[in-house]
Amino acid sequence: MDAVARIAEVAAECPGTLAVAVRAVGEPGGLLLGVHEDVELPLASVGKLLLLAEVAMSLEGGILDAEERVALEDDDYCGGSGLLLGLSQRQWTVGDLALLTAAVSDNTATNALLRRVGLDRVNAAAAALGLTCTRLLDRIREPRTDADPPTFALGTASELAGLAALVAGGQGWQVQLREWMLANTDHGLVPALVRHDQEAAWIANKTGTDDGIRTDVGIMGGLAYAVLASGPPGSDQSLVAAVRQAGLTLSHLPQPPNP
């Protein structure tokens, strides 16, 4: 069974939607594999990649300084993933906040960084990179009420795999974003069933987790991928299994030649 057929089979068994897109590193325009790749889905913390991309571009352009100190405001603090809720320091540099966002998906760091940069600027940068469907709707909220936007971020696997391919093959700000993605501590989704050295530079990614959402976007060897799973509340275990099976299948794809 070829990879597309296998992932289509996994998607058919998934209690919701499983979307997968794979591109060759450095070739954001060429789709190697796609299943439901253009379906718009909630992203959970994978949406933080858009924020990190804008911060990386702003650092390169001199709009932001990595050493600029940002004071945390009470409204920035948010439960869920991260470390800042348990730390006493109230001021962090832009570089610190970006690393915390990338490495441990810190929701408080994300909110502080997003407040500093601005939601509109993040979405404008994403659109300039060719992400026409993928965007942020709001800051991180725990809990999210009916009065709030329905989710943090929305997007497609096709666009996010394109972003990963662009980041993997580029220089300048892309190098900074790759370094942040390499710092991610969560390898529990796409690479979970694939034998790899946790400390090697073989996987650089960003994951997202929420009730009924499991997402993973990144670079695995010479492949840039996006795997998005969305289902009804309580389906998390099945979504995790689907994403991991998709990751195992992608690991068996032929690696593109080095550019």
C-alpha atoms as a PDB file:
ATOM      1  CA  MET A   1       0.000   0.000   0.000  1.00  0.00           C
ATOM      2  CA  ASP A   2       1.429   3.383  -0.960  1.00  0.00           C
ATOM      3  CA  ALA A   3       1.655   6.301   1.465  1.00  0.00           C
ATOM      4  CA  VAL A   4      -1.367   8.200   0.145  1.00  0.00           C
ATOM      5  CA  ALA A   5      -3.560   5.107   0.357  1.00  0.00           C
ATOM      6  CA  ARG A   6      -2.328   4.311   3.868  1.00  0.00           C
ATOM      7  CA  ILE A   7      -2.953   7.834   5.145  1.00  0.00           C
ATOM      8  CA  ALA A   8      -6.352   7.880   3.442  1.00  0.00           C
ATOM      9  CA  GLU A   9      -7.130   4.654   5.315  1.00  0.00           C
ATOM     10  CA  VAL A  10      -6.031   6.212   8.626  1.00  0.00           C
ATOM     11  CA  ALA A  11      -8.087   9.308   7.837  1.00  0.00           C
ATOM     12  CA  ALA A  12     -11.157   7.204   7.146  1.00  0.00           C
ATOM     13  CA  GLU A  13     -10.854   5.598  10.588  1.00  0.00           C
ATOM     14  CA  CYS A  14     -10.253   8.918  12.344  1.00  0.00           C
ATOM     15  CA  PRO A  15     -13.278  10.204  14.338  1.00  0.00           C
ATOM     16  CA  GLY A  16     -13.267  13.577  12.593  1.00  0.00           C
ATOM     17  CA  THR A  17     -10.903  14.989   9.982  1.00  0.00           C
ATOM     18  CA  LEU A  18      -7.272  14.072   9.442  1.00  0.00           C
ATOM     19  CA  ALA A  19      -5.472  16.421   7.051  1.00  0.00           C
ATOM     20  CA  VAL A  20      -1.930  15.714   5.852  1.00  0.00           C
ATOM     21  CA  ALA A  21       0.413  17.573   3.519  1.00  0.00           C
ATOM     22  CA  VAL A  22       4.072  16.918   2.737  1.00  0.00           C
ATOM     23  CA  ARG A  23       6.484  19.031   0.711  1.00  0.00           C
ATOM     24  CA  ALA A  24      10.181  18.750  -0.065  1.00  0.00           C
ATOM     25  CA  VAL A  25      12.410  20.951   2.076  1.00  0.00           C
ATOM     26  CA  GLY A  26      13.183  24.153   0.219  1.00  0.00           C
ATOM     27  CA  GLU A  27      10.353  23.617  -2.272  1.00  0.00           C
ATOM     28  CA  PRO A  28       7.225  25.158  -0.716  1.00  0.00           C
ATOM     29  CA  GLY A  29       5.360  25.006  -4.023  1.00  0.00           C
ATOM     30  CA  GLY A  30       5.620  21.270  -4.680  1.00  0.00           C
ATOM     31  CA  LEU A  31       3.193  18.949  -2.873  1.00  0.00           C
ATOM     32  CA  LEU A  32       4.579  15.431  -2.473  1.00  0.00           C
ATOM     33  CA  LEU A  33       1.533  14.066  -0.663  1.00  0.00           C
ATOM     34  CA  GLY A  34      -1.837  15.436   0.306  1.00  0.00           C
ATOM     35  CA  VAL A  35      -4.956  14.098   2.033  1.00  0.00           C
ATOM     36  CA  HIS A  36      -7.646  16.654   2.916  1.00  0.00           C
ATOM     37  CA  GLU A  37      -4.802  19.147   2.652  1.00  0.00           C
ATOM     38  CA  ASP A  38      -7.021  22.150   1.826  1.00  0.00           C
ATOM     39  CA  VAL A  39      -9.594  21.615   4.590  1.00  0.00           C
ATOM     40  CA  GLU A  40      -9.559  24.485   7.100  1.00  0.00           C
ATOM     41  CA  LEU A  41      -9.168  23.152  10.639  1.00  0.00           C
ATOM     42  CA  PRO A  42      -8.505  24.514  14.135  1.00  0.00           C
ATOM     43  CA  LEU A  43      -4.790  24.527  14.886  1.00  0.00           C
ATOM     44  CA  ALA A  44      -4.452  24.920  18.654  1.00  0.00           C
ATOM     45  CA  SER A  45      -0.855  25.892  19.473  1.00  0.00           C
ATOM     46  CA  VAL A  46       0.451  25.204  15.961  1.00  0.00           C
ATOM     47  CA  GLY A  47      -0.915  28.692  15.271  1.00  0.00           C
ATOM     48  CA  LYS A  48       1.962  30.016  17.382  1.00  0.00           C
ATOM     49  CA  LEU A  49       4.208  29.367  14.377  1.00  0.00           C
ATOM     50  CA  LEU A  50       2.679  32.426  12.715  1.00  0.00           C
ATOM     51  CA  LEU A  51       3.586  34.565  15.707  1.00  0.00           C
ATOM     52  CA  LEU A  52       7.110  33.154  15.812  1.00  0.00           C
ATOM     53  CA  ALA A  53       7.549  33.785  12.081  1.00  0.00           C
ATOM     54  CA  GLU A  54       6.567  37.440  12.483  1.00  0.00           C
ATOM     55  CA  VAL A  55       8.891  37.842  15.483  1.00  0.00           C
ATOM     56  CA  ALA A  56      11.783  36.241  13.560  1.00  0.00           C
ATOM     57  CA  MET A  57      11.192  38.556  10.587  1.00  0.00           C
ATOM     58  CA  SER A  58      10.935  41.596  12.859  1.00  0.00           C
ATOM     59  CA  LEU A  59      14.199  40.696  14.588  1.00  0.00           C
ATOM     60  CA  GLU A  60      15.941  40.381  11.224  1.00  0.00           C
ATOM     61  CA  GLY A  61      14.477  43.701  10.045  1.00  0.00           C
ATOM     62  CA  GLY A  62      15.409  45.571  13.213  1.00  0.00           C
ATOM     63  CA  ILE A  63      11.774  46.222  14.136  1.00  0.00           C
ATOM     64  CA  LEU A  64      12.211  44.180  17.302  1.00  0.00           C
ATOM     65  CA  ASP A  65      15.228  43.688  19.546  1.00  0.00           C
ATOM     66  CA  ALA A  66      15.688  40.235  21.065  1.00  0.00           C
ATOM     67  CA  GLU A  67      16.946  41.894  24.265  1.00  0.00           C
ATOM     68  CA  GLU A  68      13.912  44.172  24.653  1.00  0.00           C
ATOM     69  CA  ARG A  69      12.265  43.463  28.004  1.00  0.00           C
ATOM     70  CA  VAL A  70       8.516  42.863  28.107  1.00  0.00           C
ATOM     71  CA  ALA A  71       6.674  43.123  31.414  1.00  0.00           C
ATOM     72  CA  LEU A  72       4.008  40.480  31.907  1.00  0.00           C
ATOM     73  CA  GLU A  73       0.535  41.876  32.526  1.00  0.00           C
ATOM     74  CA  ASP A  74      -2.095  40.111  34.600  1.00  0.00           C
ATOM     75  CA  ASP A  75      -4.166  39.454  31.481  1.00  0.00           C
ATOM     76  CA  ASP A  76      -1.243  37.655  29.818  1.00  0.00           C
ATOM     77  CA  TYR A  77      -1.277  34.843  32.361  1.00  0.00           C
ATOM     78  CA  CYS A  78      -3.018  31.764  31.056  1.00  0.00           C
ATOM     79  CA  GLY A  79      -3.302  28.151  32.150  1.00  0.00           C
ATOM     80  CA  GLY A  80      -2.545  25.149  30.027  1.00  0.00           C
ATOM     81  CA  SER A  81       0.966  24.588  28.703  1.00  0.00           C
ATOM     82  CA  GLY A  82       4.028  26.483  29.815  1.00  0.00           C
ATOM     83  CA  LEU A  83       6.246  27.450  32.733  1.00  0.00           C
ATOM     84  CA  LEU A  84       5.629  31.131  33.423  1.00  0.00           C
ATOM     85  CA  LEU A  85       2.641  30.491  35.676  1.00  0.00           C
ATOM     86  CA  GLY A  86       5.050  28.859  38.106  1.00  0.00           C
ATOM     87  CA  LEU A  87       7.887  31.384  37.850  1.00  0.00           C
ATOM     88  CA  SER A  88       8.112  34.588  39.867  1.00  0.00           C
ATOM     89  CA  GLN A  89       9.914  36.823  37.359  1.00  0.00           C
ATOM     90  CA  ARG A  90       7.600  39.362  35.709  1.00  0.00           C
ATOM     91  CA  GLN A  91       9.900  40.666  32.958  1.00  0.00           C
ATOM     92  CA  TRP A  92      11.336  38.663  30.084  1.00  0.00           C
ATOM     93  CA  THR A  93      13.117  39.547  26.882  1.00  0.00           C
ATOM     94  CA  VAL A  94      11.475  39.138  23.487  1.00  0.00           C
ATOM     95  CA  GLY A  95      13.966  36.340  22.804  1.00  0.00           C
ATOM     96  CA  ASP A  96      13.063  34.596  26.052  1.00  0.00           C
ATOM     97  CA  LEU A  97       9.350  34.768  25.296  1.00  0.00           C
ATOM     98  CA  ALA A  98       9.847  33.397  21.797  1.00  0.00           C
ATOM     99  CA  LEU A  99      11.946  30.494  23.079  1.00  0.00           C
ATOM    100  CA  LEU A 100       9.382  29.674  25.769  1.00  0.00           C
ATOM    101  CA  THR A 101       6.630  29.778  23.145  1.00  0.00           C
ATOM    102  CA  ALA A 102       8.525  27.412  20.864  1.00  0.00           C
ATOM    103  CA  ALA A 103      10.089  25.042  23.396  1.00  0.00           C
ATOM    104  CA  VAL A 104       7.238  24.432  25.851  1.00  0.00           C
ATOM    105  CA  SER A 105       4.349  26.169  24.050  1.00  0.00           C
ATOM    106  CA  ASP A 106       4.047  28.608  26.952  1.00  0.00           C
ATOM    107  CA  ASN A 107       0.617  30.241  26.749  1.00  0.00           C
ATOM    108  CA  THR A 108       1.555  33.189  28.964  1.00  0.00           C
ATOM    109  CA  ALA A 109       4.678  33.902  26.894  1.00  0.00           C
ATOM    110  CA  THR A 110       2.569  33.658  23.741  1.00  0.00           C
ATOM    111  CA  ASN A 111       0.049  36.183  25.023  1.00  0.00           C
ATOM    112  CA  ALA A 112       2.740  38.647  26.097  1.00  0.00           C
ATOM    113  CA  LEU A 113       4.545  38.338  22.763  1.00  0.00           C
ATOM    114  CA  LEU A 114       1.299  38.631  20.813  1.00  0.00           C
ATOM    115  CA  ARG A 115       0.352  41.741  22.788  1.00  0.00           C
ATOM    116  CA  ARG A 116       3.747  43.263  21.962  1.00  0.00           C
ATOM    117  CA  VAL A 117       3.583  42.445  18.248  1.00  0.00           C
ATOM    118  CA  GLY A 118      -0.159  42.697  17.541  1.00  0.00           C
ATOM    119  CA  LEU A 119      -2.583  40.220  16.005  1.00  0.00           C
ATOM    120  CA  ASP A 120      -3.017  42.212  12.789  1.00  0.00           C
ATOM    121  CA  ARG A 121       0.718  42.312  12.173  1.00  0.00           C
ATOM    122  CA  VAL A 122       0.999  38.548  12.623  1.00  0.00           C
ATOM    123  CA  ASN A 123      -1.785  37.886  10.136  1.00  0.00           C
ATOM    124  CA  ALA A 124      -0.407  40.413   7.649  1.00  0.00           C
ATOM    125  CA  ALA A 125       2.972  38.666   7.759  1.00  0.00           C
ATOM    126  CA  ALA A 126       1.314  35.279   7.270  1.00  0.00           C
ATOM    127  CA  ALA A 127      -0.607  36.585   4.251  1.00  0.00           C
ATOM    128  CA  ALA A 128       2.615  37.992   2.784  1.00  0.00           C
ATOM    129  CA  LEU A 129       4.119  34.501   3.064  1.00  0.00           C
ATOM    130  CA  GLY A 130       1.215  33.097   1.041  1.00  0.00           C
ATOM    131  CA  LEU A 131      -0.935  31.808   3.897  1.00  0.00           C
ATOM    132  CA  THR A 132      -4.353  32.943   2.715  1.00  0.00           C
ATOM    133  CA  CYS A 133      -6.448  30.668   4.946  1.00  0.00           C
ATOM    134  CA  THR A 134      -4.127  30.190   7.905  1.00  0.00           C
ATOM    135  CA  ARG A 135      -4.466  32.934  10.525  1.00  0.00           C
ATOM    136  CA  LEU A 136      -4.831  33.775  14.201  1.00  0.00           C
ATOM    137  CA  LEU A 137      -8.274  34.720  15.504  1.00  0.00           C
ATOM    138  CA  ASP A 138      -7.441  35.642  19.073  1.00  0.00           C
ATOM    139  CA  ARG A 139      -4.977  35.328  21.922  1.00  0.00           C
ATOM    140  CA  ILE A 140      -4.772  32.167  24.057  1.00  0.00           C
ATOM    141  CA  ARG A 141      -7.641  31.835  26.533  1.00  0.00           C
ATOM    142  CA  GLU A 142      -8.264  29.211  29.211  1.00  0.00           C
ATOM    143  CA  PRO A 143     -11.197  28.765  29.339  1.00  0.00           C
ATOM    144  CA  ARG A 144     -12.695  30.083  26.079  1.00  0.00           C
ATOM    145  CA  THR A 145     -16.262  31.363  26.465  1.00  0.00           C
ATOM    146  CA  ASP A 146     -19.107  31.856  23.999  1.00  0.00           C
ATOM    147  CA  ALA A 147     -18.280  35.584  23.943  1.00  0.00           C
ATOM    148  CA  ASP A 148     -14.755  34.880  22.626  1.00  0.00           C
ATOM    149  CA  PRO A 149     -13.666  33.944  19.104  1.00  0.00           C
ATOM    150  CA  PRO A 150     -14.315  30.208  18.705  1.00  0.00           C
ATOM    151  CA  THR A 151     -10.655  29.187  18.556  1.00  0.00           C
ATOM    152  CA  PHE A 152      -7.115  30.551  18.670  1.00  0.00           C
ATOM    153  CA  ALA A 153      -6.132  29.794  15.077  1.00  0.00           C
ATOM    154  CA  LEU A 154      -7.351  28.188  11.857  1.00  0.00           C
ATOM    155  CA  GLY A 155      -5.460  26.877   8.863  1.00  0.00           C
ATOM    156  CA  THR A 156      -4.811  24.190   6.280  1.00  0.00           C
ATOM    157  CA  ALA A 157      -2.238  21.434   6.121  1.00  0.00           C
ATOM    158  CA  SER A 158      -1.209  22.509   2.630  1.00  0.00           C
ATOM    159  CA  GLU A 159      -0.331  26.059   3.679  1.00  0.00           C
ATOM    160  CA  LEU A 160       1.406  25.003   6.873  1.00  0.00           C
ATOM    161  CA  ALA A 161       3.545  22.405   5.086  1.00  0.00           C
ATOM    162  CA  GLY A 162       4.471  25.189   2.685  1.00  0.00           C
ATOM    163  CA  LEU A 163       5.544  27.379   5.594  1.00  0.00           C
ATOM    164  CA  ALA A 164       7.627  24.523   7.018  1.00  0.00           C
ATOM    165  CA  ALA A 165       9.297  23.956   3.642  1.00  0.00           C
ATOM    166  CA  LEU A 166      10.069  27.663   3.341  1.00  0.00           C
ATOM    167  CA  VAL A 167      11.565  27.766   6.825  1.00  0.00           C
ATOM    168  CA  ALA A 168      13.572  24.579   6.277  1.00  0.00           C
ATOM    169  CA  GLY A 169      15.229  25.768   3.080  1.00  0.00           C
ATOM    170  CA  GLY A 170      15.746  29.446   3.812  1.00  0.00           C
ATOM    171  CA  GLN A 171      18.319  31.744   5.382  1.00  0.00           C
ATOM    172  CA  GLY A 172      17.969  34.892   7.459  1.00  0.00           C
ATOM    173  CA  TRP A 173      14.856  34.873   9.650  1.00  0.00           C
ATOM    174  CA  GLN A 174      14.151  31.262   8.676  1.00  0.00           C
ATOM    175  CA  VAL A 175      17.304  30.173  10.508  1.00  0.00           C
ATOM    176  CA  GLN A 176      16.010  31.726  13.722  1.00  0.00           C
ATOM    177  CA  LEU A 177      12.616  30.084  13.345  1.00  0.00           C
ATOM    178  CA  ARG A 178      14.248  26.706  12.662  1.00  0.00           C
ATOM    179  CA  GLU A 179      16.295  27.076  15.835  1.00  0.00           C
ATOM    180  CA  TRP A 180      13.169  27.782  17.846  1.00  0.00           C
ATOM    181  CA  MET A 181      11.392  24.791  16.295  1.00  0.00           C
ATOM    182  CA  LEU A 182      14.384  22.573  17.078  1.00  0.00           C
ATOM    183  CA  ALA A 183      13.974  23.559  20.732  1.00  0.00           C
ATOM    184  CA  ASN A 184      10.456  22.095  20.893  1.00  0.00           C
ATOM    185  CA  THR A 185      10.278  19.464  23.629  1.00  0.00           C
ATOM    186  CA  ASP A 186       7.120  17.723  22.366  1.00  0.00           C
ATOM    187  CA  HIS A 187       7.855  14.813  20.038  1.00  0.00           C
ATOM    188  CA  GLY A 188       4.715  12.934  21.051  1.00  0.00           C
ATOM    189  CA  LEU A 189       2.720  13.250  17.832  1.00  0.00           C
ATOM    190  CA  VAL A 190       4.170  12.862  14.299  1.00  0.00           C
ATOM    191  CA  PRO A 191       7.605  11.492  15.358  1.00  0.00           C
ATOM    192  CA  ALA A 192       6.339   9.463  18.324  1.00  0.00           C
ATOM    193  CA  LEU A 193       6.479   6.052  16.592  1.00  0.00           C
ATOM    194  CA  VAL A 194       9.646   6.838  14.641  1.00  0.00           C
ATOM    195  CA  ARG A 195      12.965   5.904  16.212  1.00  0.00           C
ATOM    196  CA  HIS A 196      15.072   9.053  16.471  1.00  0.00           C
ATOM    197  CA  ASP A 197      17.531  10.826  18.715  1.00  0.00           C
ATOM    198  CA  GLN A 198      15.622  13.415  20.728  1.00  0.00           C
ATOM    199  CA  GLU A 199      18.704  15.651  20.785  1.00  0.00           C
ATOM    200  CA  ALA A 200      19.532  15.378  17.076  1.00  0.00           C
ATOM    201  CA  ALA A 201      18.482  17.977  14.531  1.00  0.00           C
ATOM    202  CA  TRP A 202      16.385  15.485  12.558  1.00  0.00           C
ATOM    203  CA  ILE A 203      13.034  16.855  13.748  1.00  0.00           C
ATOM    204  CA  ALA A 204      12.065  20.513  14.163  1.00  0.00           C
ATOM    205  CA  ASN A 205       8.396  21.057  14.872  1.00  0.00           C
ATOM    206  CA  LYS A 206       5.545  22.748  16.672  1.00  0.00           C
ATOM    207  CA  THR A 207       2.596  20.845  18.107  1.00  0.00           C
ATOM    208  CA  GLY A 208      -0.878  21.832  19.196  1.00  0.00           C
ATOM    209  CA  THR A 209      -3.181  20.179  21.718  1.00  0.00           C
ATOM    210  CA  ASP A 210      -6.727  21.003  22.773  1.00  0.00           C
ATOM    211  CA  ASP A 211      -9.911  19.057  23.375  1.00  0.00           C
ATOM    212  CA  GLY A 212     -10.680  17.437  20.025  1.00  0.00           C
ATOM    213  CA  ILE A 213      -7.526  18.856  18.380  1.00  0.00           C
ATOM    214  CA  ARG A 214      -4.097  17.352  17.771  1.00  0.00           C
ATOM    215  CA  THR A 215      -1.757  19.100  15.302  1.00  0.00           C
ATOM    216  CA  ASP A 216       1.907  18.880  14.349  1.00  0.00           C
ATOM    217  CA  VAL A 217       3.822  20.917  11.755  1.00  0.00           C
ATOM    218  CA  GLY A 218       7.522  20.650  11.119  1.00  0.00           C
ATOM    219  CA  ILE A 219      10.581  19.362   9.335  1.00  0.00           C
ATOM    220  CA  MET A 220      11.543  15.685   9.406  1.00  0.00           C
ATOM    221  CA  GLY A 221      14.796  15.098   7.600  1.00  0.00           C
ATOM    222  CA  GLY A 222      14.265  16.394   4.070  1.00  0.00           C
ATOM    223  CA  LEU A 223      10.483  16.553   4.363  1.00  0.00           C
ATOM    224  CA  ALA A 224       8.303  19.436   5.494  1.00  0.00           C
ATOM    225  CA  TYR A 225       4.971  18.224   6.856  1.00  0.00           C
ATOM    226  CA  ALA A 226       1.707  19.263   8.423  1.00  0.00           C
ATOM    227  CA  VAL A 227      -0.626  16.775  10.112  1.00  0.00           C
ATOM    228  CA  LEU A 228      -3.857  18.210  11.530  1.00  0.00           C
ATOM    229  CA  ALA A 229      -6.530  16.193  13.310  1.00  0.00           C
ATOM    230  CA  SER A 230      -9.843  17.542  14.561  1.00  0.00           C
ATOM    231  CA  GLY A 231     -12.716  15.579  16.057  1.00  0.00           C
ATOM    232  CA  PRO A 232     -15.508  15.694  18.620  1.00  0.00           C
ATOM    233  CA  PRO A 233     -14.812  16.266  22.323  1.00  0.00           C
ATOM    234  CA  GLY A 234     -13.500  13.121  23.951  1.00  0.00           C
ATOM    235  CA  SER A 235     -11.859  11.797  20.771  1.00  0.00           C
ATOM    236  CA  ASP A 236      -8.340  12.811  21.792  1.00  0.00           C
ATOM    237  CA  GLN A 237      -6.912   9.307  22.139  1.00  0.00           C
ATOM    238  CA  SER A 238      -8.086   8.341  18.660  1.00  0.00           C
ATOM    239  CA  LEU A 239      -6.775  11.609  17.197  1.00  0.00           C
ATOM    240  CA  VAL A 240      -3.361  11.026  18.739  1.00  0.00           C
ATOM    241  CA  ALA A 241      -3.292   7.515  17.284  1.00  0.00           C
ATOM    242  CA  ALA A 242      -4.211   8.835  13.823  1.00  0.00           C
ATOM    243  CA  VAL A 243      -1.526  11.535  13.873  1.00  0.00           C
ATOM    244  CA  ARG A 244       1.103   9.048  15.032  1.00  0.00           C
ATOM    245  CA  GLN A 245       0.185   6.555  12.327  1.00  0.00           C
ATOM    246  CA  ALA A 246       0.385   9.320   9.739  1.00  0.00           C
ATOM    247  CA  GLY A 247       3.817  10.247  11.077  1.00  0.00           C
ATOM    248  CA  LEU A 248       5.018   6.664  10.864  1.00  0.00           C
ATOM    249  CA  THR A 249       3.859   6.488   7.255  1.00  0.00           C
ATOM    250  CA  LEU A 250       5.594   9.773   6.385  1.00  0.00           C
ATOM    251  CA  SER A 251       8.845   8.503   7.874  1.00  0.00           C
ATOM    252  CA  HIS A 252       8.926   5.812   5.205  1.00  0.00           C
ATOM    253  CA  LEU A 253       8.687   8.273   2.310  1.00  0.00           C
ATOM    254  CA  PRO A 254      11.845   8.584   0.208  1.00  0.00           C
ATOM    255  CA  GLN A 255      13.972  11.493   1.366  1.00  0.00           C
ATOM    256  CA  PRO A 256      14.419  14.162  -1.329  1.00  0.00           C
ATOM    257  CA  PRO A 257      17.988  14.749  -2.492  1.00  0.00           C
ATOM    258  CA  ASN A 258      19.869  17.532  -0.751  1.00  0.00           C
ATOM    259  CA  PRO A 259      19.364  20.834  -2.606  1.00  0.00           C
END
